[in-house]
Structure formats: structure tokens, C-alpha cells
Amino acid sequence: MAGGRPKKDQDKKCVRQNITMEPDQLERLIVYCQREERPLSWVIRKALEKYLDEAA
């Protein structure tokens, strides 16, 4: 049996996208991610999810 994480269904895969932010936002984001031991993509997805839930 191969190790690693199980493959996601094709329709459940995350989509790669480039974004632009202010340099100070990136610096704050990196510090937060290091402190919380989370990847940037995870933090951005969670923040976007919260924003969209509140904006609806």
C-alpha cells in the first residue's frame, strides 16, 4: 500500500490562482502562518470562506 494522503475527487481539488496583495499584508500573513503553523493557502482559503459567508 502506498503512503501519503488519499487522492481527492477531481471536482473537489483546489484550483491554483495568482493573487496580488500589499507587501505589508504579505508580511503579516507570513508571520501569522508561521505562528499558527499553517500554510498560506490554507489561511487564505479560510479567510475567503469567512468573508464570503458574511458578505452573502
PDB file of N, CA and C in Angstrom:
ATOM      1  N   MET A   1       0.856  -1.178   0.000  1.00  0.00           N
ATOM      2  CA  MET A   1       0.000   0.000   0.000  1.00  0.00           C
ATOM      3  C   MET A   1       0.896   1.232   0.000  1.00  0.00           C
ATOM      4  N   ALA A   2       0.609   2.180  -0.867  1.00  0.00           N
ATOM      5  CA  ALA A   2       1.404   3.407  -0.965  1.00  0.00           C
ATOM      6  C   ALA A   2       1.038   4.347   0.176  1.00  0.00           C
ATOM      7  N   GLY A   3       2.036   5.104   0.640  1.00  0.00           N
ATOM      8  CA  GLY A   3       1.789   6.066   1.710  1.00  0.00           C
ATOM      9  C   GLY A   3       1.279   7.382   1.162  1.00  0.00           C
ATOM     10  N   GLY A   4       1.075   8.341   2.045  1.00  0.00           N
ATOM     11  CA  GLY A   4       0.626   9.662   1.620  1.00  0.00           C
ATOM     12  C   GLY A   4      -0.860   9.843   1.798  1.00  0.00           C
ATOM     13  N   ARG A   5      -1.291  10.987   1.363  1.00  0.00           N
ATOM     14  CA  ARG A   5      -2.688  11.345   1.555  1.00  0.00           C
ATOM     15  C   ARG A   5      -3.534  10.791   0.414  1.00  0.00           C
ATOM     16  N   PRO A   6      -4.786  10.424   0.710  1.00  0.00           N
ATOM     17  CA  PRO A   6      -5.649   9.887  -0.344  1.00  0.00           C
ATOM     18  C   PRO A   6      -5.964  10.959  -1.394  1.00  0.00           C
ATOM     19  N   LYS A   7      -6.137  10.535  -2.640  1.00  0.00           N
ATOM     20  CA  LYS A   7      -6.429  11.475  -3.725  1.00  0.00           C
ATOM     21  C   LYS A   7      -7.849  11.995  -3.586  1.00  0.00           C
ATOM     22  N   LYS A   8      -8.014  13.299  -3.903  1.00  0.00           N
ATOM     23  CA  LYS A   8      -9.343  13.915  -3.888  1.00  0.00           C
ATOM     24  C   LYS A   8     -10.040  13.652  -5.216  1.00  0.00           C
ATOM     25  N   ASP A   9     -11.368  13.662  -5.164  1.00  0.00           N
ATOM     26  CA  ASP A   9     -12.134  13.599  -6.398  1.00  0.00           C
ATOM     27  C   ASP A   9     -11.777  14.811  -7.251  1.00  0.00           C
ATOM     28  N   GLN A  10     -11.841  14.655  -8.562  1.00  0.00           N
ATOM     29  CA  GLN A  10     -11.450  15.733  -9.478  1.00  0.00           C
ATOM     30  C   GLN A  10     -12.230  17.023  -9.193  1.00  0.00           C
ATOM     31  N   ASP A  11     -13.521  16.923  -8.873  1.00  0.00           N
ATOM     32  CA  ASP A  11     -14.328  18.119  -8.632  1.00  0.00           C
ATOM     33  C   ASP A  11     -14.087  18.726  -7.250  1.00  0.00           C
ATOM     34  N   LYS A  12     -13.336  18.065  -6.389  1.00  0.00           N
ATOM     35  CA  LYS A  12     -13.041  18.571  -5.044  1.00  0.00           C
ATOM     36  C   LYS A  12     -11.647  19.174  -4.930  1.00  0.00           C
ATOM     37  N   LYS A  13     -10.845  19.087  -5.997  1.00  0.00           N
ATOM     38  CA  LYS A  13      -9.477  19.590  -5.950  1.00  0.00           C
ATOM     39  C   LYS A  13      -9.471  21.106  -5.880  1.00  0.00           C
ATOM     40  N   CYS A  14      -8.500  21.654  -5.182  1.00  0.00           N
ATOM     41  CA  CYS A  14      -8.324  23.099  -5.122  1.00  0.00           C
ATOM     42  C   CYS A  14      -7.792  23.601  -6.461  1.00  0.00           C
ATOM     43  N   VAL A  15      -8.141  24.824  -6.779  1.00  0.00           N
ATOM     44  CA  VAL A  15      -7.713  25.447  -8.025  1.00  0.00           C
ATOM     45  C   VAL A  15      -6.611  26.439  -7.701  1.00  0.00           C
ATOM     46  N   ARG A  16      -5.516  26.357  -8.438  1.00  0.00           N
ATOM     47  CA  ARG A  16      -4.393  27.275  -8.238  1.00  0.00           C
ATOM     48  C   ARG A  16      -4.718  28.608  -8.898  1.00  0.00           C
ATOM     49  N   GLN A  17      -4.477  29.715  -8.161  1.00  0.00           N
ATOM     50  CA  GLN A  17      -4.779  31.049  -8.671  1.00  0.00           C
ATOM     51  C   GLN A  17      -3.752  32.032  -8.130  1.00  0.00           C
ATOM     52  N   ASN A  18      -3.329  32.962  -8.957  1.00  0.00           N
ATOM     53  CA  ASN A  18      -2.423  34.018  -8.503  1.00  0.00           C
ATOM     54  C   ASN A  18      -3.228  35.156  -7.900  1.00  0.00           C
ATOM     55  N   ILE A  19      -2.736  35.726  -6.817  1.00  0.00           N
ATOM     56  CA  ILE A  19      -3.387  36.891  -6.214  1.00  0.00           C
ATOM     57  C   ILE A  19      -2.340  37.963  -5.972  1.00  0.00           C
ATOM     58  N   THR A  20      -2.808  39.191  -5.816  1.00  0.00           N
ATOM     59  CA  THR A  20      -1.928  40.324  -5.540  1.00  0.00           C
ATOM     60  C   THR A  20      -2.329  40.924  -4.199  1.00  0.00           C
ATOM     61  N   MET A  21      -1.328  41.276  -3.394  1.00  0.00           N
ATOM     62  CA  MET A  21      -1.595  41.919  -2.105  1.00  0.00           C
ATOM     63  C   MET A  21      -0.495  42.917  -1.807  1.00  0.00           C
ATOM     64  N   GLU A  22      -0.751  43.769  -0.860  1.00  0.00           N
ATOM     65  CA  GLU A  22       0.227  44.761  -0.432  1.00  0.00           C
ATOM     66  C   GLU A  22       1.383  44.045   0.281  1.00  0.00           C
ATOM     67  N   PRO A  23       2.598  44.577   0.173  1.00  0.00           N
ATOM     68  CA  PRO A  23       3.745  43.938   0.829  1.00  0.00           C
ATOM     69  C   PRO A  23       3.552  43.770   2.341  1.00  0.00           C
ATOM     70  N   ASP A  24       2.938  44.742   3.003  1.00  0.00           N
ATOM     71  CA  ASP A  24       2.736  44.612   4.452  1.00  0.00           C
ATOM     72  C   ASP A  24       1.702  43.533   4.774  1.00  0.00           C
ATOM     73  N   GLN A  25       0.732  43.331   3.884  1.00  0.00           N
ATOM     74  CA  GLN A  25      -0.226  42.244   4.082  1.00  0.00           C
ATOM     75  C   GLN A  25       0.469  40.893   3.993  1.00  0.00           C
ATOM     76  N   LEU A  26       1.349  40.752   3.025  1.00  0.00           N
ATOM     77  CA  LEU A  26       2.092  39.500   2.876  1.00  0.00           C
ATOM     78  C   LEU A  26       2.972  39.241   4.090  1.00  0.00           C
ATOM     79  N   GLU A  27       3.624  40.277   4.572  1.00  0.00           N
ATOM     80  CA  GLU A  27       4.486  40.126   5.757  1.00  0.00           C
ATOM     81  C   GLU A  27       3.669  39.668   6.963  1.00  0.00           C
ATOM     82  N   ARG A  28       2.509  40.291   7.172  1.00  0.00           N
ATOM     83  CA  ARG A  28       1.645  39.915   8.290  1.00  0.00           C
ATOM     84  C   ARG A  28       1.121  38.492   8.119  1.00  0.00           C
ATOM     85  N   LEU A  29       0.791  38.143   6.879  1.00  0.00           N
ATOM     86  CA  LEU A  29       0.298  36.802   6.589  1.00  0.00           C
ATOM     87  C   LEU A  29       1.356  35.748   6.881  1.00  0.00           C
ATOM     88  N   ILE A  30       2.572  35.996   6.472  1.00  0.00           N
ATOM     89  CA  ILE A  30       3.665  35.051   6.714  1.00  0.00           C
ATOM     90  C   ILE A  30       3.898  34.874   8.212  1.00  0.00           C
ATOM     91  N   VAL A  31       3.916  35.963   8.954  1.00  0.00           N
ATOM     92  CA  VAL A  31       4.110  35.883  10.416  1.00  0.00           C
ATOM     93  C   VAL A  31       2.999  35.058  11.051  1.00  0.00           C
ATOM     94  N   TYR A  32       1.757  35.331  10.628  1.00  0.00           N
ATOM     95  CA  TYR A  32       0.617  34.589  11.174  1.00  0.00           C
ATOM     96  C   TYR A  32       0.743  33.095  10.867  1.00  0.00           C
ATOM     97  N   CYS A  33       1.063  32.771   9.618  1.00  0.00           N
ATOM     98  CA  CYS A  33       1.184  31.373   9.212  1.00  0.00           C
ATOM     99  C   CYS A  33       2.284  30.651   9.975  1.00  0.00           C
ATOM    100  N   GLN A  34       3.390  31.320  10.198  1.00  0.00           N
ATOM    101  CA  GLN A  34       4.474  30.711  10.958  1.00  0.00           C
ATOM    102  C   GLN A  34       4.054  30.470  12.402  1.00  0.00           C
ATOM    103  N   ARG A  35       3.372  31.446  12.984  1.00  0.00           N
ATOM    104  CA  ARG A  35       2.928  31.324  14.371  1.00  0.00           C
ATOM    105  C   ARG A  35       1.912  30.195  14.524  1.00  0.00           C
ATOM    106  N   GLU A  36       0.987  30.082  13.573  1.00  0.00           N
ATOM    107  CA  GLU A  36      -0.073  29.078  13.654  1.00  0.00           C
ATOM    108  C   GLU A  36       0.312  27.745  13.003  1.00  0.00           C
ATOM    109  N   GLU A  37       1.496  27.711  12.377  1.00  0.00           N
ATOM    110  CA  GLU A  37       1.973  26.518  11.683  1.00  0.00           C
ATOM    111  C   GLU A  37       0.964  26.035  10.648  1.00  0.00           C
ATOM    112  N   ARG A  38       0.544  26.973   9.805  1.00  0.00           N
ATOM    113  CA  ARG A  38      -0.405  26.700   8.723  1.00  0.00           C
ATOM    114  C   ARG A  38       0.166  27.238   7.421  1.00  0.00           C
ATOM    115  N   PRO A  39      -0.136  26.595   6.294  1.00  0.00           N
ATOM    116  CA  PRO A  39       0.316  27.120   5.010  1.00  0.00           C
ATOM    117  C   PRO A  39      -0.493  28.355   4.594  1.00  0.00           C
ATOM    118  N   LEU A  40       0.126  29.216   3.794  1.00  0.00           N
ATOM    119  CA  LEU A  40      -0.544  30.429   3.319  1.00  0.00           C
ATOM    120  C   LEU A  40      -1.857  30.087   2.634  1.00  0.00           C
ATOM    121  N   SER A  41      -1.856  29.079   1.792  1.00  0.00           N
ATOM    122  CA  SER A  41      -3.065  28.739   1.038  1.00  0.00           C
ATOM    123  C   SER A  41      -4.223  28.380   1.966  1.00  0.00           C
ATOM    124  N   TRP A  42      -3.946  27.674   3.055  1.00  0.00           N
ATOM    125  CA  TRP A  42      -4.999  27.293   3.993  1.00  0.00           C
ATOM    126  C   TRP A  42      -5.600  28.531   4.655  1.00  0.00           C
ATOM    127  N   VAL A  43      -4.738  29.437   5.094  1.00  0.00           N
ATOM    128  CA  VAL A  43      -5.204  30.660   5.767  1.00  0.00           C
ATOM    129  C   VAL A  43      -6.027  31.509   4.804  1.00  0.00           C
ATOM    130  N   ILE A  44      -5.563  31.650   3.572  1.00  0.00           N
ATOM    131  CA  ILE A  44      -6.296  32.457   2.590  1.00  0.00           C
ATOM    132  C   ILE A  44      -7.649  31.814   2.275  1.00  0.00           C
ATOM    133  N   ARG A  45      -7.697  30.489   2.112  1.00  0.00           N
ATOM    134  CA  ARG A  45      -8.977  29.821   1.850  1.00  0.00           C
ATOM    135  C   ARG A  45      -9.954  30.024   2.998  1.00  0.00           C
ATOM    136  N   LYS A  46      -9.468  29.898   4.234  1.00  0.00           N
ATOM    137  CA  LYS A  46     -10.350  30.080   5.395  1.00  0.00           C
ATOM    138  C   LYS A  46     -10.849  31.518   5.489  1.00  0.00           C
ATOM    139  N   ALA A  47      -9.959  32.489   5.258  1.00  0.00           N
ATOM    140  CA  ALA A  47     -10.359  33.903   5.300  1.00  0.00           C
ATOM    141  C   ALA A  47     -11.370  34.221   4.207  1.00  0.00           C
ATOM    142  N   LEU A  48     -11.161  33.694   3.022  1.00  0.00           N
ATOM    143  CA  LEU A  48     -12.088  33.914   1.917  1.00  0.00           C
ATOM    144  C   LEU A  48     -13.437  33.285   2.203  1.00  0.00           C
ATOM    145  N   GLU A  49     -13.421  32.087   2.749  1.00  0.00           N
ATOM    146  CA  GLU A  49     -14.671  31.411   3.100  1.00  0.00           C
ATOM    147  C   GLU A  49     -15.463  32.243   4.113  1.00  0.00           C
ATOM    148  N   LYS A  50     -14.785  32.743   5.135  1.00  0.00           N
ATOM    149  CA  LYS A  50     -15.450  33.566   6.156  1.00  0.00           C
ATOM    150  C   LYS A  50     -15.996  34.855   5.545  1.00  0.00           C
ATOM    151  N   TYR A  51     -15.199  35.513   4.706  1.00  0.00           N
ATOM    152  CA  TYR A  51     -15.639  36.747   4.055  1.00  0.00           C
ATOM    153  C   TYR A  51     -16.880  36.503   3.205  1.00  0.00           C
ATOM    154  N   LEU A  52     -16.860  35.456   2.390  1.00  0.00           N
ATOM    155  CA  LEU A  52     -17.995  35.182   1.516  1.00  0.00           C
ATOM    156  C   LEU A  52     -19.244  34.802   2.316  1.00  0.00           C
ATOM    157  N   ASP A  53     -19.072  34.070   3.413  1.00  0.00           N
ATOM    158  CA  ASP A  53     -20.217  33.736   4.265  1.00  0.00           C
ATOM    159  C   ASP A  53     -20.852  34.992   4.862  1.00  0.00           C
ATOM    160  N   GLU A  54     -20.020  35.939   5.280  1.00  0.00           N
ATOM    161  CA  GLU A  54     -20.515  37.165   5.901  1.00  0.00           C
ATOM    162  C   GLU A  54     -21.069  38.161   4.876  1.00  0.00           C
ATOM    163  N   ALA A  55     -20.543  38.130   3.662  1.00  0.00           N
ATOM    164  CA  ALA A  55     -20.954  39.083   2.627  1.00  0.00           C
ATOM    165  C   ALA A  55     -22.266  38.668   1.966  1.00  0.00           C
ATOM    166  N   ALA A  56     -22.645  37.412   2.107  1.00  0.00           N
ATOM    167  CA  ALA A  56     -23.847  36.899   1.419  1.00  0.00           C
ATOM    168  C   ALA A  56     -25.127  37.377   2.049  1.00  0.00           C
TER     169      ALA A  56
END
